[in-house]
Amino acid sequence: MKKILILIFGMGLAATIVIVLDQAFSIPDEISGILYFISIGVAASSILNYYKE
């Protein structure tokens, strides 16, 4: 249960950072969409590898 909550928090944090950067700078939608999904994937992968059982 702890791993799932940390996973959701990490993916939400990564998505929030990309959305804030997208609003702070004028990034095209094609680039911000790719960054959004890549950052969520990297966050999920790193958290699952860290908490590997």
C-alpha atoms as a PDB file:
ATOM      1  CA  MET A   1       0.000   0.000   0.000  1.00  0.00           C
ATOM      2  CA  LYS A   2       2.859   2.367   0.844  1.00  0.00           C
ATOM      3  CA  LYS A   3       4.474   1.768  -2.550  1.00  0.00           C
ATOM      4  CA  ILE A   4       1.253   2.648  -4.391  1.00  0.00           C
ATOM      5  CA  LEU A   5       0.794   5.904  -2.485  1.00  0.00           C
ATOM      6  CA  ILE A   6       4.397   6.948  -3.085  1.00  0.00           C
ATOM      7  CA  LEU A   7       4.017   6.003  -6.758  1.00  0.00           C
ATOM      8  CA  ILE A   8       0.916   8.179  -7.154  1.00  0.00           C
ATOM      9  CA  PHE A   9       2.585  11.068  -5.303  1.00  0.00           C
ATOM     10  CA  GLY A  10       5.766  10.830  -7.419  1.00  0.00           C
ATOM     11  CA  MET A  11       3.863  10.735 -10.705  1.00  0.00           C
ATOM     12  CA  GLY A  12       1.705  13.656  -9.581  1.00  0.00           C
ATOM     13  CA  LEU A  13       4.766  15.660  -8.619  1.00  0.00           C
ATOM     14  CA  ALA A  14       6.409  14.989 -11.990  1.00  0.00           C
ATOM     15  CA  ALA A  15       3.241  15.980 -13.838  1.00  0.00           C
ATOM     16  CA  THR A  16       2.875  19.143 -11.754  1.00  0.00           C
ATOM     17  CA  ILE A  17       6.435  20.226 -12.520  1.00  0.00           C
ATOM     18  CA  VAL A  18       5.853  19.818 -16.253  1.00  0.00           C
ATOM     19  CA  ILE A  19       2.555  21.730 -16.118  1.00  0.00           C
ATOM     20  CA  VAL A  20       4.130  24.587 -14.131  1.00  0.00           C
ATOM     21  CA  LEU A  21       7.059  24.783 -16.555  1.00  0.00           C
ATOM     22  CA  ASP A  22       4.620  24.763 -19.465  1.00  0.00           C
ATOM     23  CA  GLN A  23       2.754  27.730 -18.023  1.00  0.00           C
ATOM     24  CA  ALA A  24       5.904  29.605 -16.983  1.00  0.00           C
ATOM     25  CA  PHE A  25       7.535  29.312 -20.406  1.00  0.00           C
ATOM     26  CA  SER A  26       5.867  29.286 -23.787  1.00  0.00           C
ATOM     27  CA  ILE A  27       6.579  25.657 -24.670  1.00  0.00           C
ATOM     28  CA  PRO A  28       4.765  24.185 -27.692  1.00  0.00           C
ATOM     29  CA  ASP A  29       2.120  21.563 -26.906  1.00  0.00           C
ATOM     30  CA  GLU A  30       3.972  18.866 -28.827  1.00  0.00           C
ATOM     31  CA  ILE A  31       7.019  19.196 -26.595  1.00  0.00           C
ATOM     32  CA  SER A  32       5.140  19.619 -23.310  1.00  0.00           C
ATOM     33  CA  GLY A  33       2.998  16.550 -24.033  1.00  0.00           C
ATOM     34  CA  ILE A  34       6.057  14.419 -24.658  1.00  0.00           C
ATOM     35  CA  LEU A  35       7.739  15.783 -21.509  1.00  0.00           C
ATOM     36  CA  TYR A  36       4.565  15.058 -19.530  1.00  0.00           C
ATOM     37  CA  PHE A  37       4.439  11.369 -20.417  1.00  0.00           C
ATOM     38  CA  ILE A  38       8.200  10.845 -20.230  1.00  0.00           C
ATOM     39  CA  SER A  39       8.398  12.441 -16.768  1.00  0.00           C
ATOM     40  CA  ILE A  40       5.539  10.274 -15.476  1.00  0.00           C
ATOM     41  CA  GLY A  41       7.240   7.183 -16.896  1.00  0.00           C
ATOM     42  CA  VAL A  42      10.601   8.060 -15.385  1.00  0.00           C
ATOM     43  CA  ALA A  43       9.001   8.755 -12.002  1.00  0.00           C
ATOM     44  CA  ALA A  44       7.084   5.467 -12.027  1.00  0.00           C
ATOM     45  CA  SER A  45      10.119   3.481 -13.148  1.00  0.00           C
ATOM     46  CA  SER A  46      12.453   4.986 -10.589  1.00  0.00           C
ATOM     47  CA  ILE A  47      10.009   4.538  -7.713  1.00  0.00           C
ATOM     48  CA  LEU A  48       9.252   0.939  -8.657  1.00  0.00           C
ATOM     49  CA  ASN A  49      12.965   0.160  -8.966  1.00  0.00           C
ATOM     50  CA  TYR A  50      13.724   1.807  -5.616  1.00  0.00           C
ATOM     51  CA  TYR A  51      10.999  -0.090  -3.766  1.00  0.00           C
ATOM     52  CA  LYS A  52      11.643  -3.410  -5.503  1.00  0.00           C
ATOM     53  CA  GLU A  53      10.757  -6.338  -3.265  1.00  0.00           C
END
